[in-house]
Protein backbone atom coordinates (compact mmCIF):
# COMPACT_ATOMS: atom_id res chain seq x y z
CA MET A 1 24.36 71.92 55.28
CA LYS A 2 23.82 75.02 56.75
CA GLN A 3 20.89 76.15 54.61
CA LEU A 4 18.83 72.89 55.79
CA THR A 5 20.01 73.91 59.12
CA ARG A 6 18.44 77.24 58.55
CA THR A 7 15.50 76.04 56.74
CA ILE A 8 14.71 73.41 59.13
CA SER A 9 15.53 76.72 62.56
CA ILE A 10 12.99 79.06 59.88
CA PHE A 11 10.31 76.36 60.18
CA THR A 12 10.53 75.47 63.66
CA ILE A 13 10.10 79.14 64.67
CA LEU A 14 7.33 79.36 62.12
CA LEU A 15 5.41 76.54 63.79
CA PHE A 16 5.97 77.41 67.06
CA LEU A 17 4.28 81.18 66.28
CA ASN A 18 1.11 78.68 64.40
CA SER A 19 1.45 76.08 67.58
CA ALA A 20 -2.32 77.32 68.79
CA ASP A 21 -3.75 77.03 64.99
CA GLY A 22 -2.12 73.90 64.77
CA LEU A 23 -2.91 72.67 68.26
CA ALA A 24 -6.55 72.15 66.69
CA GLN A 25 -6.17 69.89 64.47
CA GLN A 26 -4.67 67.62 66.62
CA ALA A 27 -6.46 64.69 67.89
CA SER A 28 -3.78 64.12 70.53
CA GLU A 29 -0.42 65.55 71.99
CA LYS A 30 1.59 63.45 70.06
CA VAL A 31 3.80 63.80 66.75
CA TYR A 32 4.96 62.15 64.14
CA TRP A 33 7.86 63.43 61.78
CA MET A 34 8.37 62.36 58.66
CA VAL A 35 10.77 63.05 56.07
CA THR A 36 11.25 62.39 52.40
CA VAL A 37 14.66 61.92 51.12
CA GLU A 38 15.29 61.46 47.80
CA VAL A 39 18.07 59.41 46.47
CA SER A 40 20.07 58.66 43.41
CA LEU A 41 18.91 54.62 42.49
CA GLY A 42 22.49 54.33 42.56
CA ASN A 43 23.17 54.52 45.53
CA LEU A 44 19.64 53.56 47.15
CA ALA A 45 21.38 51.14 48.70
CA GLU A 46 24.70 52.33 50.21
CA TYR A 47 22.13 54.91 51.67
CA HIS A 48 20.02 51.99 53.16
CA LYS A 49 23.48 50.86 54.81
CA PHE A 50 24.19 53.88 56.32
CA ASN A 51 20.77 55.39 57.68
CA SER A 52 20.72 51.83 59.59
CA GLN A 53 24.17 51.69 61.05
CA GLU A 54 24.42 56.36 61.00
CA MET A 55 21.28 58.29 60.74
CA LYS A 56 19.06 56.01 62.67
CA PRO A 57 21.19 55.32 65.44
CA LEU A 58 22.21 58.72 65.91
CA MET A 59 18.52 60.18 66.15
CA GLU A 60 17.17 57.08 68.78
CA LYS A 61 20.21 58.64 70.57
CA HIS A 62 18.74 62.10 70.69
CA GLY A 63 15.55 61.18 71.40
CA TYR A 64 14.01 60.56 67.90
CA LYS A 65 11.52 56.98 68.41
CA PRO A 66 11.23 55.33 65.17
CA VAL A 67 7.84 54.08 63.62
CA ALA A 68 9.10 53.21 60.16
CA THR A 69 11.26 53.32 57.06
CA TRP A 70 9.66 53.00 53.42
CA GLN A 71 11.19 52.92 50.19
CA THR A 72 9.02 54.04 47.39
CA ILE A 73 8.35 51.00 44.91
CA VAL A 74 6.08 52.57 42.07
CA GLY A 75 6.58 56.13 41.10
CA ASP A 76 8.94 58.38 43.07
CA ILE A 77 11.14 55.02 43.17
CA GLU A 78 14.70 57.20 44.47
CA GLU A 79 12.58 58.17 47.33
CA VAL A 80 13.05 57.44 51.04
CA ILE A 81 10.23 57.59 53.58
CA PHE A 82 11.79 58.01 57.54
CA VAL A 83 8.84 58.86 60.57
CA ALA A 84 9.51 58.89 63.69
CA GLU A 85 7.08 59.97 67.27
CA PHE A 86 7.50 61.97 69.58
CA LYS A 87 5.40 62.98 72.62
CA ASN A 88 4.91 66.28 71.73
CA MET A 89 6.15 69.12 69.81
CA THR A 90 8.57 69.83 72.78
CA ALA A 91 9.89 66.65 72.58
CA TYR A 92 10.49 66.82 68.62
CA HIS A 93 11.81 70.05 69.24
CA LYS A 94 14.37 68.97 72.30
CA ALA A 95 15.37 66.09 70.45
CA ARG A 96 16.48 68.15 67.29
CA HIS A 97 18.42 70.56 69.00
CA SER A 98 19.82 67.71 70.52
CA LEU A 99 20.47 66.34 67.20
CA LEU A 100 21.66 68.96 65.35
CA GLY A 101 24.02 70.22 68.02
CA SER A 102 25.90 66.90 68.35
CA GLU A 103 29.61 66.59 67.29
CA GLU A 104 28.13 63.57 65.81
CA TRP A 105 26.17 65.97 63.70
CA LYS A 106 28.56 67.21 61.56
CA SER A 107 30.08 64.59 59.71
CA THR A 108 26.69 62.18 60.28
CA GLY A 109 24.98 65.65 58.42
CA LYS A 110 27.34 65.62 55.70
CA LYS A 111 27.40 62.08 54.68
CA LEU A 112 23.05 62.89 54.69
CA ASP A 113 23.78 65.87 52.92
CA GLU A 114 25.53 63.50 49.98
CA PHE A 115 23.56 60.71 49.49
CA SER A 116 20.31 63.35 49.14
CA LYS A 117 19.01 65.17 46.10
CA SER A 118 16.26 66.77 48.15
CA ILE A 119 14.94 66.12 51.44
CA LYS A 120 11.40 67.12 52.63
CA THR A 121 9.63 67.24 56.08
CA ARG A 122 6.00 67.42 57.52
CA PHE A 123 4.84 67.16 60.74
CA LEU A 124 1.93 64.39 61.41
CA SER A 125 -1.03 63.65 64.17
CA ALA A 126 -2.91 60.45 63.96
CA ALA A 127 -6.37 60.51 63.51
CA PRO A 128 -9.29 59.44 65.73
CA TYR A 129 -9.44 55.94 64.26
CA SER A 130 -5.76 55.38 63.53
CA LYS A 131 -4.15 52.78 65.42
CA LEU A 132 -1.13 55.02 66.37
CA LYS A 133 -2.52 57.32 69.33
């Protein structure tokens, strides 16, 4: 868990340092945070229960606005993808700091580590012709 938190912190700092270049690519100020969690097939049902009952409500409590959650059905079928919307990068950083600093995250983060084989994140901006703006 400490490694994940450290990696996210380093990524956040690098993102701030390169924010001028990143903003030039954004079609709007809104940002979308996408996380892909790889979960063993045998744990998928339990992971979905954990995600819907614990993880998602905790994220919403700290400022994440869920857009969608998907599960891959062809190809890498152990992937669960979650997308959240934020007004801007500042709102994301505020929500992330709040979540990772919360007392609830200590136990929820450990459970997430137990379920996940890998976690990948990305920041997205809606394309000019997207319905999400």
